[in-house]
PDB file of N, CA and C in Angstrom:
ATOM      1  N   UNK A   1      21.664 -96.186  70.611  1.00  0.00           N
ATOM      2  CA  UNK A   1      22.791 -97.044  70.338  1.00  0.00           C
ATOM      3  C   UNK A   1      24.157 -96.245  70.842  1.00  0.00           C
ATOM      4  N   UNK A   2      24.825 -97.122  71.255  1.00  0.00           N
ATOM      5  CA  UNK A   2      26.094 -96.522  72.156  1.00  0.00           C
ATOM      6  C   UNK A   2      27.182 -96.453  70.880  1.00  0.00           C
ATOM      7  N   UNK A   3      27.714 -95.195  70.781  1.00  0.00           N
ATOM      8  CA  UNK A   3      28.957 -95.091  70.054  1.00  0.00           C
ATOM      9  C   UNK A   3      30.067 -96.068  70.282  1.00  0.00           C
ATOM     10  N   UNK A   4      30.482 -96.681  69.305  1.00  0.00           N
ATOM     11  CA  UNK A   4      31.773 -97.862  69.186  1.00  0.00           C
ATOM     12  C   UNK A   4      32.973 -97.182  68.550  1.00  0.00           C
ATOM     13  N   UNK A   5      34.000 -97.459  69.062  1.00  0.00           N
ATOM     14  CA  UNK A   5      35.187 -97.218  68.731  1.00  0.00           C
ATOM     15  C   UNK A   5      35.469 -98.371  67.167  1.00  0.00           C
ATOM     16  N   UNK A   6      35.892 -97.485  66.073  1.00  0.00           N
ATOM     17  CA  UNK A   6      35.801 -98.471  64.702  1.00  0.00           C
ATOM     18  C   UNK A   6      37.474 -99.326  65.069  1.00  0.00           C
ATOM     19  N   UNK A   7      38.187 -99.206  65.856  1.00  0.00           N
ATOM     20  CA  UNK A   7      39.376 -99.784  65.867  1.00  0.00           C
ATOM     21  C   UNK A   7      39.336-101.293  66.925  1.00  0.00           C
ATOM     22  N   UNK A   8      38.880-100.826  67.986  1.00  0.00           N
ATOM     23  CA  UNK A   8      38.747-101.945  68.947  1.00  0.00           C
ATOM     24  C   UNK A   8      37.326-102.583  69.126  1.00  0.00           C
ATOM     25  N   UNK A   9      36.363-101.706  68.725  1.00  0.00           N
ATOM     26  CA  UNK A   9      34.792-102.290  68.993  1.00  0.00           C
ATOM     27  C   UNK A   9      34.191-102.003  70.205  1.00  0.00           C
ATOM     28  N   UNK A  10      34.873-101.591  71.094  1.00  0.00           N
ATOM     29  CA  UNK A  10      34.293-101.261  72.338  1.00  0.00           C
ATOM     30  C   UNK A  10      33.657-100.057  72.463  1.00  0.00           C
ATOM     31  N   UNK A  11      32.589 -99.749  73.304  1.00  0.00           N
ATOM     32  CA  UNK A  11      31.981 -98.379  73.243  1.00  0.00           C
ATOM     33  C   UNK A  11      33.048 -97.238  73.706  1.00  0.00           C
ATOM     34  N   UNK A  12      32.881 -96.204  73.190  1.00  0.00           N
ATOM     35  CA  UNK A  12      33.850 -95.020  73.339  1.00  0.00           C
ATOM     36  C   UNK A  12      34.153 -94.680  74.805  1.00  0.00           C
ATOM     37  N   UNK A  13      33.582 -94.968  75.852  1.00  0.00           N
ATOM     38  CA  UNK A  13      34.052 -94.748  77.118  1.00  0.00           C
ATOM     39  C   UNK A  13      34.838 -95.915  77.628  1.00  0.00           C
ATOM     40  N   UNK A  14      34.733 -96.995  77.106  1.00  0.00           N
ATOM     41  CA  UNK A  14      35.871 -97.816  77.295  1.00  0.00           C
ATOM     42  C   UNK A  14      36.829 -98.554  76.804  1.00  0.00           C
ATOM     43  N   UNK A  15      37.052 -97.326  75.571  1.00  0.00           N
ATOM     44  CA  UNK A  15      38.015 -97.586  74.304  1.00  0.00           C
ATOM     45  C   UNK A  15      39.348 -97.547  75.124  1.00  0.00           C
ATOM     46  N   UNK A  16      40.367 -98.728  74.814  1.00  0.00           N
ATOM     47  CA  UNK A  16      41.296 -98.789  75.263  1.00  0.00           C
ATOM     48  C   UNK A  16      42.611 -98.729  74.006  1.00  0.00           C
ATOM     49  N   UNK A  17      42.384 -97.994  73.122  1.00  0.00           N
ATOM     50  CA  UNK A  17      42.999 -98.120  71.894  1.00  0.00           C
ATOM     51  C   UNK A  17      44.225 -96.891  72.141  1.00  0.00           C
ATOM     52  N   UNK A  18      43.757 -95.702  72.944  1.00  0.00           N
ATOM     53  CA  UNK A  18      44.776 -94.813  73.166  1.00  0.00           C
ATOM     54  C   UNK A  18      45.807 -95.222  73.996  1.00  0.00           C
ATOM     55  N   UNK A  19      45.476 -96.155  75.246  1.00  0.00           N
ATOM     56  CA  UNK A  19      46.383 -96.773  76.179  1.00  0.00           C
ATOM     57  C   UNK A  19      47.377 -97.967  75.516  1.00  0.00           C
ATOM     58  N   UNK A  20      46.789 -98.726  74.339  1.00  0.00           N
ATOM     59  CA  UNK A  20      47.617 -99.718  73.663  1.00  0.00           C
ATOM     60  C   UNK A  20      48.711 -98.919  72.746  1.00  0.00           C
ATOM     61  N   UNK A  21      48.161 -97.544  72.126  1.00  0.00           N
ATOM     62  CA  UNK A  21      48.987 -97.081  71.359  1.00  0.00           C
ATOM     63  C   UNK A  21      50.135 -96.485  72.067  1.00  0.00           C
ATOM     64  N   UNK A  22      50.082 -96.097  73.187  1.00  0.00           N
ATOM     65  CA  UNK A  22      51.314 -95.320  74.038  1.00  0.00           C
ATOM     66  C   UNK A  22      51.968 -96.676  74.531  1.00  0.00           C
ATOM     67  N   UNK A  23      51.322 -97.801  74.710  1.00  0.00           N
ATOM     68  CA  UNK A  23      52.233 -99.046  75.446  1.00  0.00           C
ATOM     69  C   UNK A  23      53.288 -99.739  74.465  1.00  0.00           C
ATOM     70  N   UNK A  24      52.873 -99.523  72.963  1.00  0.00           N
ATOM     71  CA  UNK A  24      53.247-100.107  72.030  1.00  0.00           C
ATOM     72  C   UNK A  24      54.463 -99.382  71.185  1.00  0.00           C
ATOM     73  N   UNK A  25      54.705 -98.164  71.885  1.00  0.00           N
ATOM     74  CA  UNK A  25      55.870 -97.236  71.245  1.00  0.00           C
ATOM     75  C   UNK A  25      57.195 -97.757  71.706  1.00  0.00           C
ATOM     76  N   UNK A  26      58.180 -97.664  70.517  1.00  0.00           N
ATOM     77  CA  UNK A  26      59.495 -97.289  70.875  1.00  0.00           C
ATOM     78  C   UNK A  26      60.244 -96.126  70.858  1.00  0.00           C
ATOM     79  N   UNK A  27      60.404 -95.682  71.787  1.00  0.00           N
ATOM     80  CA  UNK A  27      60.793 -94.243  71.834  1.00  0.00           C
ATOM     81  C   UNK A  27      62.427 -94.063  72.336  1.00  0.00           C
ATOM     82  N   UNK A  28      63.156 -93.459  71.441  1.00  0.00           N
ATOM     83  CA  UNK A  28      64.479 -93.233  71.780  1.00  0.00           C
ATOM     84  C   UNK A  28      64.883 -91.820  72.120  1.00  0.00           C
ATOM     85  N   UNK A  29      65.383 -91.388  73.093  1.00  0.00           N
ATOM     86  CA  UNK A  29      65.839 -90.342  73.812  1.00  0.00           C
ATOM     87  C   UNK A  29      67.247 -90.025  73.196  1.00  0.00           C
ATOM     88  N   UNK A  30      67.669 -88.882  72.636  1.00  0.00           N
ATOM     89  CA  UNK A  30      69.181 -88.908  72.639  1.00  0.00           C
ATOM     90  C   UNK A  30      69.580 -87.328  72.606  1.00  0.00           C
ATOM     91  N   UNK A  31      70.906 -87.115  72.921  1.00  0.00           N
ATOM     92  CA  UNK A  31      71.386 -85.808  73.045  1.00  0.00           C
ATOM     93  C   UNK A  31      71.982 -85.754  71.780  1.00  0.00           C
ATOM     94  N   UNK A  32      71.958 -84.331  71.423  1.00  0.00           N
ATOM     95  CA  UNK A  32      72.708 -83.868  70.138  1.00  0.00           C
ATOM     96  C   UNK A  32      73.249 -82.423  70.193  1.00  0.00           C
ATOM     97  N   UNK A  33      74.347 -82.113  69.539  1.00  0.00           N
ATOM     98  CA  UNK A  33      75.006 -80.965  69.683  1.00  0.00           C
ATOM     99  C   UNK A  33      74.909 -80.387  68.528  1.00  0.00           C
ATOM    100  N   UNK A  34      74.309 -79.242  68.394  1.00  0.00           N
ATOM    101  CA  UNK A  34      74.060 -78.500  67.301  1.00  0.00           C
ATOM    102  C   UNK A  34      75.127 -77.335  66.978  1.00  0.00           C
ATOM    103  N   UNK A  35      75.188 -76.036  66.072  1.00  0.00           N
ATOM    104  CA  UNK A  35      75.928 -75.202  66.022  1.00  0.00           C
ATOM    105  C   UNK A  35      76.366 -74.584  67.506  1.00  0.00           C
ATOM    106  N   UNK A  36      77.392 -73.933  67.543  1.00  0.00           N
ATOM    107  CA  UNK A  36      77.972 -73.219  68.429  1.00  0.00           C
ATOM    108  C   UNK A  36      77.590 -73.928  70.223  1.00  0.00           C
ATOM    109  N   UNK A  37      77.780 -75.354  69.680  1.00  0.00           N
ATOM    110  CA  UNK A  37      77.862 -76.197  71.089  1.00  0.00           C
ATOM    111  C   UNK A  37      76.555 -76.181  71.691  1.00  0.00           C
ATOM    112  N   UNK A  38      75.591 -76.044  70.989  1.00  0.00           N
ATOM    113  CA  UNK A  38      74.326 -75.838  71.624  1.00  0.00           C
ATOM    114  C   UNK A  38      73.523 -77.403  71.859  1.00  0.00           C
ATOM    115  N   UNK A  39      73.371 -77.786  72.894  1.00  0.00           N
ATOM    116  CA  UNK A  39      72.861 -78.905  73.164  1.00  0.00           C
ATOM    117  C   UNK A  39      71.430 -79.142  72.990  1.00  0.00           C
ATOM    118  N   UNK A  40      70.731 -80.290  72.357  1.00  0.00           N
ATOM    119  CA  UNK A  40      69.324 -80.515  72.226  1.00  0.00           C
ATOM    120  C   UNK A  40      68.935 -81.790  72.439  1.00  0.00           C
ATOM    121  N   UNK A  41      67.723 -82.180  73.164  1.00  0.00           N
ATOM    122  CA  UNK A  41      67.315 -83.439  73.469  1.00  0.00           C
ATOM    123  C   UNK A  41      66.315 -83.807  72.192  1.00  0.00           C
ATOM    124  N   UNK A  42      66.351 -84.945  71.630  1.00  0.00           N
ATOM    125  CA  UNK A  42      65.911 -85.428  70.585  1.00  0.00           C
ATOM    126  C   UNK A  42      65.002 -86.740  70.765  1.00  0.00           C
ATOM    127  N   UNK A  43      63.786 -86.502  71.035  1.00  0.00           N
ATOM    128  CA  UNK A  43      62.760 -87.654  71.353  1.00  0.00           C
ATOM    129  C   UNK A  43      62.070 -87.924  69.926  1.00  0.00           C
ATOM    130  N   UNK A  44      62.080 -89.404  69.416  1.00  0.00           N
ATOM    131  CA  UNK A  44      61.810 -89.888  68.033  1.00  0.00           C
ATOM    132  C   UNK A  44      61.102 -91.329  68.357  1.00  0.00           C
ATOM    133  N   UNK A  45      59.997 -91.548  67.749  1.00  0.00           N
ATOM    134  CA  UNK A  45      59.507 -93.011  67.739  1.00  0.00           C
ATOM    135  C   UNK A  45      58.079 -92.548  68.026  1.00  0.00           C
ATOM    136  N   UNK A  46      57.402 -91.511  68.363  1.00  0.00           N
ATOM    137  CA  UNK A  46      56.325 -91.324  68.746  1.00  0.00           C
ATOM    138  C   UNK A  46      55.610 -91.323  67.659  1.00  0.00           C
ATOM    139  N   UNK A  47      54.716 -92.392  67.074  1.00  0.00           N
ATOM    140  CA  UNK A  47      53.963 -92.581  65.995  1.00  0.00           C
ATOM    141  C   UNK A  47      52.511 -92.792  66.469  1.00  0.00           C
ATOM    142  N   UNK A  48      51.870 -92.929  65.351  1.00  0.00           N
ATOM    143  CA  UNK A  48      50.443 -93.448  65.279  1.00  0.00           C
ATOM    144  C   UNK A  48      49.190 -92.635  65.365  1.00  0.00           C
ATOM    145  N   UNK A  49      48.074 -93.100  65.085  1.00  0.00           N
ATOM    146  CA  UNK A  49      46.930 -92.259  64.952  1.00  0.00           C
ATOM    147  C   UNK A  49      46.430 -91.953  66.185  1.00  0.00           C
ATOM    148  N   UNK A  50      46.780 -92.697  67.455  1.00  0.00           N
ATOM    149  CA  UNK A  50      46.059 -92.155  68.622  1.00  0.00           C
ATOM    150  C   UNK A  50      46.774 -91.227  69.351  1.00  0.00           C
ATOM    151  N   UNK A  51      48.218 -90.733  69.075  1.00  0.00           N
ATOM    152  CA  UNK A  51      49.050 -90.012  69.778  1.00  0.00           C
ATOM    153  C   UNK A  51      49.338 -88.808  69.006  1.00  0.00           C
ATOM    154  N   UNK A  52      49.045 -87.557  69.658  1.00  0.00           N
ATOM    155  CA  UNK A  52      49.363 -86.260  69.048  1.00  0.00           C
ATOM    156  C   UNK A  52      50.383 -85.846  69.415  1.00  0.00           C
ATOM    157  N   UNK A  53      51.516 -85.674  68.649  1.00  0.00           N
ATOM    158  CA  UNK A  53      52.830 -85.708  68.625  1.00  0.00           C
ATOM    159  C   UNK A  53      53.149 -84.237  69.339  1.00  0.00           C
ATOM    160  N   UNK A  54      52.427 -83.114  68.638  1.00  0.00           N
ATOM    161  CA  UNK A  54      52.433 -81.911  69.038  1.00  0.00           C
ATOM    162  C   UNK A  54      51.776 -81.551  70.867  1.00  0.00           C
ATOM    163  N   UNK A  55      50.813 -82.048  71.175  1.00  0.00           N
ATOM    164  CA  UNK A  55      50.187 -82.375  72.460  1.00  0.00           C
ATOM    165  C   UNK A  55      51.317 -82.565  73.353  1.00  0.00           C
ATOM    166  N   UNK A  56      51.913 -83.918  72.948  1.00  0.00           N
ATOM    167  CA  UNK A  56      53.022 -84.206  74.325  1.00  0.00           C
ATOM    168  C   UNK A  56      54.142 -83.501  73.864  1.00  0.00           C
ATOM    169  N   UNK A  57      54.506 -82.836  72.735  1.00  0.00           N
ATOM    170  CA  UNK A  57      55.634 -81.818  72.874  1.00  0.00           C
ATOM    171  C   UNK A  57      55.444 -80.530  73.835  1.00  0.00           C
ATOM    172  N   UNK A  58      54.085 -80.387  73.851  1.00  0.00           N
ATOM    173  CA  UNK A  58      53.593 -78.953  74.559  1.00  0.00           C
ATOM    174  C   UNK A  58      53.791 -79.251  76.002  1.00  0.00           C
ATOM    175  N   UNK A  59      53.275 -80.802  76.201  1.00  0.00           N
ATOM    176  CA  UNK A  59      53.853 -81.046  77.617  1.00  0.00           C
ATOM    177  C   UNK A  59      55.107 -81.145  78.058  1.00  0.00           C
ATOM    178  N   UNK A  60      55.949 -81.863  77.245  1.00  0.00           N
ATOM    179  CA  UNK A  60      57.423 -81.710  77.744  1.00  0.00           C
ATOM    180  C   UNK A  60      57.851 -80.518  77.733  1.00  0.00           C
ATOM    181  N   UNK A  61      57.555 -79.697  77.066  1.00  0.00           N
ATOM    182  CA  UNK A  61      58.067 -78.166  76.751  1.00  0.00           C
ATOM    183  C   UNK A  61      57.827 -77.366  78.054  1.00  0.00           C
ATOM    184  N   UNK A  62      56.597 -77.620  78.507  1.00  0.00           N
ATOM    185  CA  UNK A  62      56.037 -76.962  79.701  1.00  0.00           C
ATOM    186  C   UNK A  62      56.687 -77.494  81.044  1.00  0.00           C
ATOM    187  N   UNK A  63      56.698 -78.774  81.024  1.00  0.00           N
ATOM    188  CA  UNK A  63      57.084 -79.456  82.359  1.00  0.00           C
ATOM    189  C   UNK A  63      58.673 -79.445  82.570  1.00  0.00           C
ATOM    190  N   UNK A  64      59.325 -79.531  81.094  1.00  0.00           N
ATOM    191  CA  UNK A  64      60.766 -79.289  81.278  1.00  0.00           C
ATOM    192  C   UNK A  64      61.550 -77.849  81.568  1.00  0.00           C
ATOM    193  N   UNK A  65      60.113 -76.733  81.174  1.00  0.00           N
ATOM    194  CA  UNK A  65      60.550 -75.388  81.282  1.00  0.00           C
ATOM    195  C   UNK A  65      61.751 -74.733  80.231  1.00  0.00           C
ATOM    196  N   UNK A  66      61.432 -75.436  79.046  1.00  0.00           N
ATOM    197  CA  UNK A  66      62.366 -75.175  77.787  1.00  0.00           C
ATOM    198  C   UNK A  66      61.833 -74.828  76.593  1.00  0.00           C
ATOM    199  N   UNK A  67      62.413 -74.362  75.586  1.00  0.00           N
ATOM    200  CA  UNK A  67      61.668 -74.349  74.409  1.00  0.00           C
ATOM    201  C   UNK A  67      61.811 -75.732  73.540  1.00  0.00           C
ATOM    202  N   UNK A  68      60.967 -75.416  72.457  1.00  0.00           N
ATOM    203  CA  UNK A  68      61.447 -76.766  71.549  1.00  0.00           C
ATOM    204  C   UNK A  68      60.466 -76.615  70.207  1.00  0.00           C
ATOM    205  N   UNK A  69      60.085 -77.702  69.670  1.00  0.00           N
ATOM    206  CA  UNK A  69      59.880 -77.713  68.354  1.00  0.00           C
ATOM    207  C   UNK A  69      59.446 -79.240  68.001  1.00  0.00           C
ATOM    208  N   UNK A  70      58.470 -79.355  66.778  1.00  0.00           N
ATOM    209  CA  UNK A  70      58.354 -80.762  66.373  1.00  0.00           C
ATOM    210  C   UNK A  70      58.716 -80.600  64.896  1.00  0.00           C
ATOM    211  N   UNK A  71      59.485 -81.704  64.498  1.00  0.00           N
ATOM    212  CA  UNK A  71      60.041 -81.620  63.110  1.00  0.00           C
ATOM    213  C   UNK A  71      60.188 -83.148  62.727  1.00  0.00           C
ATOM    214  N   UNK A  72      59.561 -83.354  61.491  1.00  0.00           N
ATOM    215  CA  UNK A  72      59.374 -84.707  60.873  1.00  0.00           C
ATOM    216  C   UNK A  72      58.885 -85.627  62.196  1.00  0.00           C
ATOM    217  N   UNK A  73      58.260 -85.416  62.908  1.00  0.00           N
ATOM    218  CA  UNK A  73      57.920 -86.479  63.646  1.00  0.00           C
ATOM    219  C   UNK A  73      58.677 -86.789  65.067  1.00  0.00           C
ATOM    220  N   UNK A  74      59.664 -85.862  65.164  1.00  0.00           N
ATOM    221  CA  UNK A  74      60.543 -85.531  66.085  1.00  0.00           C
ATOM    222  C   UNK A  74      60.252 -84.418  66.980  1.00  0.00           C
ATOM    223  N   UNK A  75      60.561 -84.787  68.574  1.00  0.00           N
ATOM    224  CA  UNK A  75      60.233 -83.658  69.284  1.00  0.00           C
ATOM    225  C   UNK A  75      61.836 -83.367  69.728  1.00  0.00           C
ATOM    226  N   UNK A  76      62.194 -81.904  69.282  1.00  0.00           N
ATOM    227  CA  UNK A  76      63.278 -81.431  69.819  1.00  0.00           C
ATOM    228  C   UNK A  76      63.216 -80.411  70.867  1.00  0.00           C
ATOM    229  N   UNK A  77      63.814 -80.749  72.163  1.00  0.00           N
ATOM    230  CA  UNK A  77      63.919 -79.718  73.140  1.00  0.00           C
ATOM    231  C   UNK A  77      65.028 -79.163  73.283  1.00  0.00           C
ATOM    232  N   UNK A  78      65.363 -78.043  73.846  1.00  0.00           N
ATOM    233  CA  UNK A  78      66.460 -77.189  73.996  1.00  0.00           C
ATOM    234  C   UNK A  78      67.119 -77.423  75.355  1.00  0.00           C
ATOM    235  N   UNK A  79      68.178 -77.905  75.562  1.00  0.00           N
ATOM    236  CA  UNK A  79      69.056 -77.853  76.485  1.00  0.00           C
ATOM    237  C   UNK A  79      69.203 -79.879  76.593  1.00  0.00           C
ATOM    238  N   UNK A  80      69.655 -80.380  77.774  1.00  0.00           N
ATOM    239  CA  UNK A  80      69.736 -81.600  78.116  1.00  0.00           C
ATOM    240  C   UNK A  80      68.598 -81.992  79.213  1.00  0.00           C
ATOM    241  N   UNK A  81      67.579 -82.638  78.680  1.00  0.00           N
ATOM    242  CA  UNK A  81      66.333 -83.059  79.478  1.00  0.00           C
ATOM    243  C   UNK A  81      66.056 -84.462  79.427  1.00  0.00           C
ATOM    244  N   UNK A  82      67.224 -85.523  79.053  1.00  0.00           N
ATOM    245  CA  UNK A  82      66.865 -86.815  78.679  1.00  0.00           C
ATOM    246  C   UNK A  82      66.119 -87.751  80.042  1.00  0.00           C
ATOM    247  N   UNK A  83      66.736 -87.288  81.170  1.00  0.00           N
ATOM    248  CA  UNK A  83      66.030 -87.856  82.194  1.00  0.00           C
ATOM    249  C   UNK A  83      64.981 -87.588  82.634  1.00  0.00           C
ATOM    250  N   UNK A  84      64.307 -86.071  82.582  1.00  0.00           N
ATOM    251  CA  UNK A  84      63.003 -85.318  82.699  1.00  0.00           C
ATOM    252  C   UNK A  84      62.089 -86.023  81.736  1.00  0.00           C
ATOM    253  N   UNK A  85      62.584 -86.135  80.613  1.00  0.00           N
ATOM    254  CA  UNK A  85      61.669 -86.432  79.688  1.00  0.00           C
ATOM    255  C   UNK A  85      61.213 -87.855  79.729  1.00  0.00           C
ATOM    256  N   UNK A  86      62.052 -88.575  79.987  1.00  0.00           N
ATOM    257  CA  UNK A  86      61.911 -90.075  80.396  1.00  0.00           C
ATOM    258  C   UNK A  86      60.733 -90.276  81.237  1.00  0.00           C
ATOM    259  N   UNK A  87      60.918 -89.431  82.481  1.00  0.00           N
ATOM    260  CA  UNK A  87      60.098 -89.602  83.703  1.00  0.00           C
ATOM    261  C   UNK A  87      58.895 -89.076  83.028  1.00  0.00           C
ATOM    262  N   UNK A  88      58.564 -87.863  82.446  1.00  0.00           N
ATOM    263  CA  UNK A  88      57.455 -87.344  81.934  1.00  0.00           C
ATOM    264  C   UNK A  88      56.493 -88.507  80.885  1.00  0.00           C
ATOM    265  N   UNK A  89      57.420 -88.934  80.170  1.00  0.00           N
ATOM    266  CA  UNK A  89      56.965 -90.088  79.235  1.00  0.00           C
ATOM    267  C   UNK A  89      56.358 -91.256  80.108  1.00  0.00           C
ATOM    268  N   UNK A  90      56.997 -91.655  80.835  1.00  0.00           N
ATOM    269  CA  UNK A  90      56.339 -92.703  81.610  1.00  0.00           C
ATOM    270  C   UNK A  90      54.970 -92.280  82.541  1.00  0.00           C
ATOM    271  N   UNK A  91      54.968 -90.918  83.024  1.00  0.00           N
ATOM    272  CA  UNK A  91      53.985 -90.583  83.491  1.00  0.00           C
ATOM    273  C   UNK A  91      52.557 -90.476  82.654  1.00  0.00           C
ATOM    274  N   UNK A  92      52.999 -90.322  81.095  1.00  0.00           N
ATOM    275  CA  UNK A  92      52.213 -90.074  80.150  1.00  0.00           C
ATOM    276  C   UNK A  92      51.641 -91.593  79.968  1.00  0.00           C
ATOM    277  N   UNK A  93      52.072 -92.626  80.430  1.00  0.00           N
ATOM    278  CA  UNK A  93      51.539 -94.008  80.056  1.00  0.00           C
ATOM    279  C   UNK A  93      52.584 -94.767  79.354  1.00  0.00           C
ATOM    280  N   UNK A  94      53.610 -94.356  78.781  1.00  0.00           N
ATOM    281  CA  UNK A  94      54.470 -95.029  78.034  1.00  0.00           C
ATOM    282  C   UNK A  94      55.234 -96.106  79.017  1.00  0.00           C
ATOM    283  N   UNK A  95      55.496 -97.226  78.470  1.00  0.00           N
ATOM    284  CA  UNK A  95      56.112 -98.183  79.216  1.00  0.00           C
ATOM    285  C   UNK A  95      57.539 -97.864  79.374  1.00  0.00           C
ATOM    286  N   UNK A  96      58.282 -98.020  80.981  1.00  0.00           N
ATOM    287  CA  UNK A  96      59.585 -97.841  80.973  1.00  0.00           C
ATOM    288  C   UNK A  96      60.449 -98.613  79.839  1.00  0.00           C
ATOM    289  N   UNK A  97      60.108 -99.995  79.833  1.00  0.00           N
ATOM    290  CA  UNK A  97      60.925-101.071  78.779  1.00  0.00           C
ATOM    291  C   UNK A  97      60.834-100.487  77.325  1.00  0.00           C
ATOM    292  N   UNK A  98      60.063 -99.556  76.808  1.00  0.00           N
ATOM    293  CA  UNK A  98      59.863 -98.920  75.605  1.00  0.00           C
ATOM    294  C   UNK A  98      60.769 -97.977  75.185  1.00  0.00           C
ATOM    295  N   UNK A  99      61.184 -97.228  76.356  1.00  0.00           N
ATOM    296  CA  UNK A  99      62.330 -95.922  76.349  1.00  0.00           C
ATOM    297  C   UNK A  99      63.524 -96.273  76.259  1.00  0.00           C
ATOM    298  N   UNK A 100      64.353 -95.920  75.141  1.00  0.00           N
ATOM    299  CA  UNK A 100      65.775 -95.933  75.088  1.00  0.00           C
ATOM    300  C   UNK A 100      66.176 -94.781  75.400  1.00  0.00           C
ATOM    301  N   UNK A 101      67.311 -94.428  76.583  1.00  0.00           N
ATOM    302  CA  UNK A 101      67.758 -93.007  76.679  1.00  0.00           C
ATOM    303  C   UNK A 101      69.243 -93.257  75.936  1.00  0.00           C
ATOM    304  N   UNK A 102      69.731 -92.711  75.128  1.00  0.00           N
ATOM    305  CA  UNK A 102      70.996 -92.491  74.451  1.00  0.00           C
ATOM    306  C   UNK A 102      71.982 -91.561  75.179  1.00  0.00           C
TER     307      UNK A 102
END
């Protein structure tokens, strides 16, 4: 018997739930200024069961060569990385129409 996905009902090797989950996200990328004029890039809106926010944050931190954290479902990167983060999220499979850069 082939294992099936409980969400979509397809076999595990053909499951598209992860792709659909990435395509339906509404993501906002914005710049914030913290104490002592430190700029941070805040990415919010990554939710869902199929998306691991910690894994996405790790990818963003390594590809942007910066520090950061995950707090309350938001990814916070040190510095202004709005354009880089947008490109990386598109490469991860998130639709460009669903990403809003503020």
